[in-house]
């Protein structure tokens, strides 16, 4: 029998970067890919696509799930086909090294994100303007824009399976990273994004995102093999509802349906006999 000690350093990846794109225009994708290669993303890189050129075979959530299960790179880059790389591979590696030194708990980074109410961090170029927030990078954020996202594979991030469409998956990944104990950042790696997004389409998906995450965040009564407690996304509710009398009442609300269910099963069994 062979015993092998494993740790974070023992995880092996065949290449450094997996550059992943949802493609509905192959000519535009080729221009994006060329901009990567011209900036040093050739050796130790792989390029993966899902092909939506004829029809939307995959939405973003399905595509990212495929990328996460297929990619061989130490870092996975999710990038729009209308992005053109400005900075080079060495600059990106320096950004990631800086994150590893200063913020080793990072799992995902990008070039634009939200810090808090009316606070954003942006490091991006558009055809007619350059948008750089006057702030010291890297910046910890709560959400990231989807034009360019980079995931550290060793963090084992995943993506929601009960969300659909082509929007807010950057936010979904950041929330999941936080659940897992990781952090998200905007880094100073420059690309040009040829569009500024489809705001009308985004609004159509916002309601579904809120509804889905509302059901995830409000967990309620939790039973383990050793204890029980009330769990919610409200610190106030967690304190109040886990105190002695309120939690006693919550348990009674759970107990009576449980006892009625047992009684119903007993009567049903007697009738069958």
C-alpha atoms as a PDB file:
ATOM      1  CA  UNK A   1       0.000   0.000   0.000  1.00  0.00           C
ATOM      2  CA  UNK A   2       1.350   3.439  -0.986  1.00  0.00           C
ATOM      3  CA  UNK A   3       0.696   6.442   1.226  1.00  0.00           C
ATOM      4  CA  UNK A   4       1.123   9.842  -0.373  1.00  0.00           C
ATOM      5  CA  UNK A   5       1.040  13.158   1.450  1.00  0.00           C
ATOM      6  CA  UNK A   6      -0.781  15.794  -0.571  1.00  0.00           C
ATOM      7  CA  UNK A   7      -0.901  19.567  -0.114  1.00  0.00           C
ATOM      8  CA  UNK A   8      -1.614  22.685  -2.157  1.00  0.00           C
ATOM      9  CA  UNK A   9       1.827  22.578  -3.784  1.00  0.00           C
ATOM     10  CA  UNK A  10       1.285  19.009  -4.994  1.00  0.00           C
ATOM     11  CA  UNK A  11      -1.611  19.976  -7.282  1.00  0.00           C
ATOM     12  CA  UNK A  12      -0.412  19.635 -10.860  1.00  0.00           C
ATOM     13  CA  UNK A  13      -1.768  21.582 -13.849  1.00  0.00           C
ATOM     14  CA  UNK A  14      -0.621  20.765 -17.412  1.00  0.00           C
ATOM     15  CA  UNK A  15      -0.571  24.451 -18.408  1.00  0.00           C
ATOM     16  CA  UNK A  16      -0.689  27.882 -16.831  1.00  0.00           C
ATOM     17  CA  UNK A  17      -3.666  29.624 -18.479  1.00  0.00           C
ATOM     18  CA  UNK A  18      -6.902  28.245 -19.908  1.00  0.00           C
ATOM     19  CA  UNK A  19      -8.470  31.055 -21.949  1.00  0.00           C
ATOM     20  CA  UNK A  20     -12.191  30.331 -22.291  1.00  0.00           C
ATOM     21  CA  UNK A  21     -14.789  32.086 -24.452  1.00  0.00           C
ATOM     22  CA  UNK A  22     -18.424  31.740 -25.461  1.00  0.00           C
ATOM     23  CA  UNK A  23     -18.363  32.352 -29.224  1.00  0.00           C
ATOM     24  CA  UNK A  24     -21.191  33.485 -31.499  1.00  0.00           C
ATOM     25  CA  UNK A  25     -18.942  35.268 -34.028  1.00  0.00           C
ATOM     26  CA  UNK A  26     -15.869  33.263 -35.009  1.00  0.00           C
ATOM     27  CA  UNK A  27     -14.155  36.152 -36.826  1.00  0.00           C
ATOM     28  CA  UNK A  28     -14.404  38.380 -33.754  1.00  0.00           C
ATOM     29  CA  UNK A  29     -13.159  35.555 -31.547  1.00  0.00           C
ATOM     30  CA  UNK A  30     -10.097  35.068 -33.775  1.00  0.00           C
ATOM     31  CA  UNK A  31      -9.231  38.762 -33.365  1.00  0.00           C
ATOM     32  CA  UNK A  32      -9.523  38.385 -29.592  1.00  0.00           C
ATOM     33  CA  UNK A  33      -7.330  35.278 -29.636  1.00  0.00           C
ATOM     34  CA  UNK A  34      -4.715  37.026 -31.784  1.00  0.00           C
ATOM     35  CA  UNK A  35      -4.530  39.884 -29.276  1.00  0.00           C
ATOM     36  CA  UNK A  36      -3.751  37.350 -26.539  1.00  0.00           C
ATOM     37  CA  UNK A  37      -1.094  35.560 -28.591  1.00  0.00           C
ATOM     38  CA  UNK A  38       0.537  38.851 -29.606  1.00  0.00           C
ATOM     39  CA  UNK A  39       0.893  39.672 -25.918  1.00  0.00           C
ATOM     40  CA  UNK A  40       2.643  36.435 -24.989  1.00  0.00           C
ATOM     41  CA  UNK A  41      -0.277  34.102 -24.300  1.00  0.00           C
ATOM     42  CA  UNK A  42       0.975  31.337 -26.577  1.00  0.00           C
ATOM     43  CA  UNK A  43       3.256  28.960 -24.695  1.00  0.00           C
ATOM     44  CA  UNK A  44       1.805  27.246 -21.639  1.00  0.00           C
ATOM     45  CA  UNK A  45      -1.728  28.321 -22.640  1.00  0.00           C
ATOM     46  CA  UNK A  46      -4.789  26.582 -24.029  1.00  0.00           C
ATOM     47  CA  UNK A  47      -7.807  28.131 -25.776  1.00  0.00           C
ATOM     48  CA  UNK A  48     -11.266  26.675 -25.157  1.00  0.00           C
ATOM     49  CA  UNK A  49     -14.586  27.752 -26.662  1.00  0.00           C
ATOM     50  CA  UNK A  50     -18.231  26.780 -26.601  1.00  0.00           C
ATOM     51  CA  UNK A  51     -19.702  27.242 -30.047  1.00  0.00           C
ATOM     52  CA  UNK A  52     -22.875  29.335 -30.164  1.00  0.00           C
ATOM     53  CA  UNK A  53     -22.326  30.515 -33.746  1.00  0.00           C
ATOM     54  CA  UNK A  54     -25.485  28.880 -35.105  1.00  0.00           C
ATOM     55  CA  UNK A  55     -27.655  28.902 -31.989  1.00  0.00           C
ATOM     56  CA  UNK A  56     -27.321  29.357 -28.237  1.00  0.00           C
ATOM     57  CA  UNK A  57     -26.331  25.794 -27.397  1.00  0.00           C
ATOM     58  CA  UNK A  58     -25.099  26.940 -23.986  1.00  0.00           C
ATOM     59  CA  UNK A  59     -25.840  29.870 -21.748  1.00  0.00           C
ATOM     60  CA  UNK A  60     -23.028  31.385 -19.671  1.00  0.00           C
ATOM     61  CA  UNK A  61     -23.676  29.273 -16.570  1.00  0.00           C
ATOM     62  CA  UNK A  62     -23.675  26.029 -18.559  1.00  0.00           C
ATOM     63  CA  UNK A  63     -20.578  27.072 -20.501  1.00  0.00           C
ATOM     64  CA  UNK A  64     -18.607  28.003 -17.382  1.00  0.00           C
ATOM     65  CA  UNK A  65     -19.501  24.692 -15.771  1.00  0.00           C
ATOM     66  CA  UNK A  66     -18.071  22.949 -18.848  1.00  0.00           C
ATOM     67  CA  UNK A  67     -14.931  25.091 -18.767  1.00  0.00           C
ATOM     68  CA  UNK A  68     -14.357  24.369 -15.074  1.00  0.00           C
ATOM     69  CA  UNK A  69     -14.631  20.631 -15.693  1.00  0.00           C
ATOM     70  CA  UNK A  70     -12.504  20.605 -18.848  1.00  0.00           C
ATOM     71  CA  UNK A  71      -9.766  23.240 -18.490  1.00  0.00           C
ATOM     72  CA  UNK A  72      -6.206  22.144 -17.693  1.00  0.00           C
ATOM     73  CA  UNK A  73      -4.753  25.510 -16.678  1.00  0.00           C
ATOM     74  CA  UNK A  74      -3.624  26.674 -13.245  1.00  0.00           C
ATOM     75  CA  UNK A  75      -5.669  29.797 -13.961  1.00  0.00           C
ATOM     76  CA  UNK A  76      -8.907  29.926 -15.920  1.00  0.00           C
ATOM     77  CA  UNK A  77      -9.655  33.120 -17.864  1.00  0.00           C
ATOM     78  CA  UNK A  78     -13.277  33.768 -18.867  1.00  0.00           C
ATOM     79  CA  UNK A  79     -13.225  36.453 -21.530  1.00  0.00           C
ATOM     80  CA  UNK A  80     -15.718  38.013 -23.937  1.00  0.00           C
ATOM     81  CA  UNK A  81     -15.005  37.644 -27.653  1.00  0.00           C
ATOM     82  CA  UNK A  82     -15.101  41.464 -28.051  1.00  0.00           C
ATOM     83  CA  UNK A  83     -12.128  41.965 -25.706  1.00  0.00           C
ATOM     84  CA  UNK A  84      -8.672  42.879 -26.975  1.00  0.00           C
ATOM     85  CA  UNK A  85      -5.686  42.393 -24.673  1.00  0.00           C
ATOM     86  CA  UNK A  86      -3.539  45.498 -24.094  1.00  0.00           C
ATOM     87  CA  UNK A  87      -1.154  44.387 -21.329  1.00  0.00           C
ATOM     88  CA  UNK A  88       1.033  41.313 -21.747  1.00  0.00           C
ATOM     89  CA  UNK A  89       1.376  37.959 -20.032  1.00  0.00           C
ATOM     90  CA  UNK A  90       4.274  39.085 -17.824  1.00  0.00           C
ATOM     91  CA  UNK A  91       2.172  41.967 -16.474  1.00  0.00           C
ATOM     92  CA  UNK A  92      -0.677  39.581 -15.674  1.00  0.00           C
ATOM     93  CA  UNK A  93       1.674  37.175 -13.896  1.00  0.00           C
ATOM     94  CA  UNK A  94       3.017  40.097 -11.859  1.00  0.00           C
ATOM     95  CA  UNK A  95      -0.538  41.037 -10.853  1.00  0.00           C
ATOM     96  CA  UNK A  96      -1.232  37.477  -9.732  1.00  0.00           C
ATOM     97  CA  UNK A  97       2.062  37.239  -7.849  1.00  0.00           C
ATOM     98  CA  UNK A  98       1.184  40.483  -6.065  1.00  0.00           C
ATOM     99  CA  UNK A  99      -2.202  39.023  -5.107  1.00  0.00           C
ATOM    100  CA  UNK A 100      -0.566  35.848  -3.790  1.00  0.00           C
ATOM    101  CA  UNK A 101       1.769  37.890  -1.590  1.00  0.00           C
ATOM    102  CA  UNK A 102      -0.707  40.474  -0.284  1.00  0.00           C
ATOM    103  CA  UNK A 103      -4.004  38.546  -0.393  1.00  0.00           C
ATOM    104  CA  UNK A 104      -3.352  34.787  -0.472  1.00  0.00           C
ATOM    105  CA  UNK A 105      -7.043  34.006   0.105  1.00  0.00           C
ATOM    106  CA  UNK A 106      -8.026  35.362  -3.336  1.00  0.00           C
ATOM    107  CA  UNK A 107      -9.936  33.083  -5.709  1.00  0.00           C
ATOM    108  CA  UNK A 108     -11.161  35.336  -8.525  1.00  0.00           C
ATOM    109  CA  UNK A 109     -10.112  38.659 -10.044  1.00  0.00           C
ATOM    110  CA  UNK A 110     -11.048  40.902 -12.953  1.00  0.00           C
ATOM    111  CA  UNK A 111     -10.728  44.420 -14.329  1.00  0.00           C
ATOM    112  CA  UNK A 112     -13.953  46.019 -13.033  1.00  0.00           C
ATOM    113  CA  UNK A 113     -16.066  45.464  -9.949  1.00  0.00           C
ATOM    114  CA  UNK A 114     -18.134  46.970  -7.152  1.00  0.00           C
ATOM    115  CA  UNK A 115     -16.736  47.669  -3.690  1.00  0.00           C
ATOM    116  CA  UNK A 116     -19.920  48.900  -2.013  1.00  0.00           C
ATOM    117  CA  UNK A 117     -22.704  51.464  -2.435  1.00  0.00           C
ATOM    118  CA  UNK A 118     -21.723  53.746  -5.360  1.00  0.00           C
ATOM    119  CA  UNK A 119     -18.096  52.580  -5.045  1.00  0.00           C
ATOM    120  CA  UNK A 120     -16.471  50.871  -7.997  1.00  0.00           C
ATOM    121  CA  UNK A 121     -12.976  49.847  -9.026  1.00  0.00           C
ATOM    122  CA  UNK A 122     -12.294  49.917 -12.764  1.00  0.00           C
ATOM    123  CA  UNK A 123      -9.187  49.351 -14.891  1.00  0.00           C
ATOM    124  CA  UNK A 124     -10.297  49.069 -18.507  1.00  0.00           C
ATOM    125  CA  UNK A 125     -10.192  50.748 -21.905  1.00  0.00           C
ATOM    126  CA  UNK A 126     -13.070  51.304 -24.339  1.00  0.00           C
ATOM    127  CA  UNK A 127     -12.659  52.385 -27.972  1.00  0.00           C
ATOM    128  CA  UNK A 128     -13.245  56.046 -27.113  1.00  0.00           C
ATOM    129  CA  UNK A 129     -12.074  56.292 -23.487  1.00  0.00           C
ATOM    130  CA  UNK A 130      -9.898  54.811 -20.773  1.00  0.00           C
ATOM    131  CA  UNK A 131     -11.555  54.195 -17.404  1.00  0.00           C
ATOM    132  CA  UNK A 132      -9.216  53.820 -14.413  1.00  0.00           C
ATOM    133  CA  UNK A 133     -10.391  54.444 -10.870  1.00  0.00           C
ATOM    134  CA  UNK A 134      -7.950  56.583  -8.884  1.00  0.00           C
ATOM    135  CA  UNK A 135      -7.280  53.960  -6.259  1.00  0.00           C
ATOM    136  CA  UNK A 136      -4.499  51.622  -5.236  1.00  0.00           C
ATOM    137  CA  UNK A 137      -4.815  48.223  -6.909  1.00  0.00           C
ATOM    138  CA  UNK A 138      -5.531  45.396  -6.248  1.00  0.00           C
ATOM    139  CA  UNK A 139      -8.915  46.282  -4.735  1.00  0.00           C
ATOM    140  CA  UNK A 140     -11.170  43.878  -2.849  1.00  0.00           C
ATOM    141  CA  UNK A 141     -14.686  43.832  -4.346  1.00  0.00           C
ATOM    142  CA  UNK A 142     -18.064  42.170  -3.829  1.00  0.00           C
ATOM    143  CA  UNK A 143     -18.781  41.583  -7.523  1.00  0.00           C
ATOM    144  CA  UNK A 144     -16.940  41.573 -10.846  1.00  0.00           C
ATOM    145  CA  UNK A 145     -17.844  42.521 -14.408  1.00  0.00           C
ATOM    146  CA  UNK A 146     -17.923  39.593 -16.819  1.00  0.00           C
ATOM    147  CA  UNK A 147     -15.806  40.951 -19.709  1.00  0.00           C
ATOM    148  CA  UNK A 148     -12.618  39.505 -18.158  1.00  0.00           C
ATOM    149  CA  UNK A 149     -12.553  37.124 -15.184  1.00  0.00           C
ATOM    150  CA  UNK A 150      -9.648  35.058 -13.894  1.00  0.00           C
ATOM    151  CA  UNK A 151     -10.189  32.125 -11.519  1.00  0.00           C
ATOM    152  CA  UNK A 152      -7.537  30.389  -9.433  1.00  0.00           C
ATOM    153  CA  UNK A 153      -8.224  26.721 -10.104  1.00  0.00           C
ATOM    154  CA  UNK A 154      -6.833  25.484  -6.786  1.00  0.00           C
ATOM    155  CA  UNK A 155      -9.674  27.335  -5.024  1.00  0.00           C
ATOM    156  CA  UNK A 156     -12.122  24.862  -6.637  1.00  0.00           C
ATOM    157  CA  UNK A 157     -14.750  27.467  -7.419  1.00  0.00           C
ATOM    158  CA  UNK A 158     -17.987  26.341  -9.000  1.00  0.00           C
ATOM    159  CA  UNK A 159     -20.997  28.146 -10.453  1.00  0.00           C
ATOM    160  CA  UNK A 160     -24.739  27.995  -9.734  1.00  0.00           C
ATOM    161  CA  UNK A 161     -26.686  25.345 -11.628  1.00  0.00           C
ATOM    162  CA  UNK A 162     -30.087  26.965 -10.986  1.00  0.00           C
ATOM    163  CA  UNK A 163     -29.328  30.268 -12.740  1.00  0.00           C
ATOM    164  CA  UNK A 164     -29.650  30.858 -16.490  1.00  0.00           C
ATOM    165  CA  UNK A 165     -28.661  33.401 -19.116  1.00  0.00           C
ATOM    166  CA  UNK A 166     -25.622  35.520 -19.895  1.00  0.00           C
ATOM    167  CA  UNK A 167     -25.571  38.002 -17.024  1.00  0.00           C
ATOM    168  CA  UNK A 168     -24.465  38.282 -13.383  1.00  0.00           C
ATOM    169  CA  UNK A 169     -22.306  35.165 -13.432  1.00  0.00           C
ATOM    170  CA  UNK A 170     -19.382  37.312 -12.243  1.00  0.00           C
ATOM    171  CA  UNK A 171     -21.424  38.237  -9.185  1.00  0.00           C
ATOM    172  CA  UNK A 172     -22.453  34.603  -8.722  1.00  0.00           C
ATOM    173  CA  UNK A 173     -18.811  33.473  -8.732  1.00  0.00           C
ATOM    174  CA  UNK A 174     -17.840  36.196  -6.231  1.00  0.00           C
ATOM    175  CA  UNK A 175     -20.653  35.208  -3.849  1.00  0.00           C
ATOM    176  CA  UNK A 176     -19.696  31.534  -4.083  1.00  0.00           C
ATOM    177  CA  UNK A 177     -16.045  32.453  -3.450  1.00  0.00           C
ATOM    178  CA  UNK A 178     -17.121  34.308  -0.305  1.00  0.00           C
ATOM    179  CA  UNK A 179     -19.160  31.287   0.863  1.00  0.00           C
ATOM    180  CA  UNK A 180     -16.012  29.182   0.500  1.00  0.00           C
ATOM    181  CA  UNK A 181     -13.892  31.647   2.475  1.00  0.00           C
ATOM    182  CA  UNK A 182     -12.147  33.312  -0.480  1.00  0.00           C
ATOM    183  CA  UNK A 183     -11.946  36.905  -1.687  1.00  0.00           C
ATOM    184  CA  UNK A 184     -12.350  38.715  -5.024  1.00  0.00           C
ATOM    185  CA  UNK A 185     -10.267  41.556  -6.466  1.00  0.00           C
ATOM    186  CA  UNK A 186      -9.887  44.037  -9.308  1.00  0.00           C
ATOM    187  CA  UNK A 187      -6.336  43.990 -10.654  1.00  0.00           C
ATOM    188  CA  UNK A 188      -4.485  46.468 -12.909  1.00  0.00           C
ATOM    189  CA  UNK A 189      -4.430  44.345 -16.066  1.00  0.00           C
ATOM    190  CA  UNK A 190      -5.545  46.338 -19.083  1.00  0.00           C
ATOM    191  CA  UNK A 191      -7.762  45.125 -21.898  1.00  0.00           C
ATOM    192  CA  UNK A 192      -9.929  46.990 -24.375  1.00  0.00           C
ATOM    193  CA  UNK A 193     -13.610  46.086 -24.296  1.00  0.00           C
ATOM    194  CA  UNK A 194     -15.339  46.988 -27.535  1.00  0.00           C
ATOM    195  CA  UNK A 195     -18.760  47.382 -25.893  1.00  0.00           C
ATOM    196  CA  UNK A 196     -20.078  48.557 -22.525  1.00  0.00           C
ATOM    197  CA  UNK A 197     -22.663  45.805 -22.056  1.00  0.00           C
ATOM    198  CA  UNK A 198     -26.348  45.239 -22.700  1.00  0.00           C
ATOM    199  CA  UNK A 199     -28.155  46.965 -19.829  1.00  0.00           C
ATOM    200  CA  UNK A 200     -31.656  46.150 -21.110  1.00  0.00           C
ATOM    201  CA  UNK A 201     -30.919  42.437 -21.246  1.00  0.00           C
ATOM    202  CA  UNK A 202     -29.329  42.583 -17.797  1.00  0.00           C
ATOM    203  CA  UNK A 203     -32.509  44.005 -16.252  1.00  0.00           C
ATOM    204  CA  UNK A 204     -34.508  41.058 -17.607  1.00  0.00           C
ATOM    205  CA  UNK A 205     -32.350  38.615 -15.626  1.00  0.00           C
ATOM    206  CA  UNK A 206     -31.971  40.637 -12.440  1.00  0.00           C
ATOM    207  CA  UNK A 207     -35.274  39.443 -10.925  1.00  0.00           C
ATOM    208  CA  UNK A 208     -34.424  35.755 -11.383  1.00  0.00           C
ATOM    209  CA  UNK A 209     -31.034  36.311  -9.768  1.00  0.00           C
ATOM    210  CA  UNK A 210     -32.589  38.013  -6.724  1.00  0.00           C
ATOM    211  CA  UNK A 211     -35.252  35.315  -6.380  1.00  0.00           C
ATOM    212  CA  UNK A 212     -32.734  32.464  -6.638  1.00  0.00           C
ATOM    213  CA  UNK A 213     -30.294  33.952  -4.148  1.00  0.00           C
ATOM    214  CA  UNK A 214     -33.099  34.925  -1.791  1.00  0.00           C
ATOM    215  CA  UNK A 215     -33.982  31.246  -1.437  1.00  0.00           C
ATOM    216  CA  UNK A 216     -30.323  30.317  -0.948  1.00  0.00           C
ATOM    217  CA  UNK A 217     -29.538  32.914   1.704  1.00  0.00           C
ATOM    218  CA  UNK A 218     -32.565  32.352   3.962  1.00  0.00           C
ATOM    219  CA  UNK A 219     -31.818  28.841   5.222  1.00  0.00           C
ATOM    220  CA  UNK A 220     -33.939  28.802   8.406  1.00  0.00           C
ATOM    221  CA  UNK A 221     -33.971  25.949  10.915  1.00  0.00           C
ATOM    222  CA  UNK A 222     -30.883  23.751  10.645  1.00  0.00           C
ATOM    223  CA  UNK A 223     -30.540  20.297  12.202  1.00  0.00           C
ATOM    224  CA  UNK A 224     -27.268  18.376  12.480  1.00  0.00           C
ATOM    225  CA  UNK A 225     -26.581  15.016  14.125  1.00  0.00           C
ATOM    226  CA  UNK A 226     -25.331  16.829  17.219  1.00  0.00           C
ATOM    227  CA  UNK A 227     -27.180  20.143  17.471  1.00  0.00           C
ATOM    228  CA  UNK A 228     -29.699  22.490  15.894  1.00  0.00           C
ATOM    229  CA  UNK A 229     -29.801  26.240  15.227  1.00  0.00           C
ATOM    230  CA  UNK A 230     -31.430  28.944  13.112  1.00  0.00           C
ATOM    231  CA  UNK A 231     -29.428  30.292  10.174  1.00  0.00           C
ATOM    232  CA  UNK A 232     -30.183  33.364   8.065  1.00  0.00           C
ATOM    233  CA  UNK A 233     -28.417  36.157   6.206  1.00  0.00           C
ATOM    234  CA  UNK A 234     -29.353  38.603   8.981  1.00  0.00           C
ATOM    235  CA  UNK A 235     -26.966  38.946  11.937  1.00  0.00           C
ATOM    236  CA  UNK A 236     -29.831  40.395  14.021  1.00  0.00           C
ATOM    237  CA  UNK A 237     -32.129  37.434  13.298  1.00  0.00           C
ATOM    238  CA  UNK A 238     -29.325  34.972  14.027  1.00  0.00           C
ATOM    239  CA  UNK A 239     -28.820  36.495  17.489  1.00  0.00           C
ATOM    240  CA  UNK A 240     -32.501  36.839  18.392  1.00  0.00           C
ATOM    241  CA  UNK A 241     -33.822  33.558  16.974  1.00  0.00           C
ATOM    242  CA  UNK A 242     -31.005  31.479  18.479  1.00  0.00           C
ATOM    243  CA  UNK A 243     -31.622  32.833  21.987  1.00  0.00           C
ATOM    244  CA  UNK A 244     -33.361  30.512  24.429  1.00  0.00           C
ATOM    245  CA  UNK A 245     -37.081  31.404  24.250  1.00  0.00           C
ATOM    246  CA  UNK A 246     -37.397  32.256  20.510  1.00  0.00           C
ATOM    247  CA  UNK A 247     -35.504  29.111  19.523  1.00  0.00           C
ATOM    248  CA  UNK A 248     -37.706  27.033  21.831  1.00  0.00           C
ATOM    249  CA  UNK A 249     -40.755  28.364  19.948  1.00  0.00           C
ATOM    250  CA  UNK A 250     -39.125  27.613  16.583  1.00  0.00           C
ATOM    251  CA  UNK A 251     -38.515  24.021  17.695  1.00  0.00           C
ATOM    252  CA  UNK A 252     -42.158  23.691  18.750  1.00  0.00           C
ATOM    253  CA  UNK A 253     -43.237  24.855  15.292  1.00  0.00           C
ATOM    254  CA  UNK A 254     -41.076  22.084  13.841  1.00  0.00           C
ATOM    255  CA  UNK A 255     -42.103  19.485  16.426  1.00  0.00           C
ATOM    256  CA  UNK A 256     -45.875  19.497  15.858  1.00  0.00           C
ATOM    257  CA  UNK A 257     -45.780  18.861  12.075  1.00  0.00           C
ATOM    258  CA  UNK A 258     -43.193  16.157  12.775  1.00  0.00           C
ATOM    259  CA  UNK A 259     -45.449  14.452  15.364  1.00  0.00           C
ATOM    260  CA  UNK A 260     -48.501  14.757  13.103  1.00  0.00           C
ATOM    261  CA  UNK A 261     -46.526  13.137  10.309  1.00  0.00           C
ATOM    262  CA  UNK A 262     -45.557  10.260  12.589  1.00  0.00           C
ATOM    263  CA  UNK A 263     -49.183   9.865  13.707  1.00  0.00           C
ATOM    264  CA  UNK A 264     -50.418   9.883  10.107  1.00  0.00           C
ATOM    265  CA  UNK A 265     -47.861   7.229   9.130  1.00  0.00           C
ATOM    266  CA  UNK A 266     -48.906   5.075  12.122  1.00  0.00           C
ATOM    267  CA  UNK A 267     -52.642   5.311  11.294  1.00  0.00           C
ATOM    268  CA  UNK A 268     -51.976   4.621   7.623  1.00  0.00           C
ATOM    269  CA  UNK A 269     -49.999   1.526   8.579  1.00  0.00           C
ATOM    270  CA  UNK A 270     -52.789   0.255  10.842  1.00  0.00           C
ATOM    271  CA  UNK A 271     -55.386   0.715   8.103  1.00  0.00           C
ATOM    272  CA  UNK A 272     -53.280  -1.314   5.646  1.00  0.00           C
ATOM    273  CA  UNK A 273     -53.036  -4.114   8.207  1.00  0.00           C
END
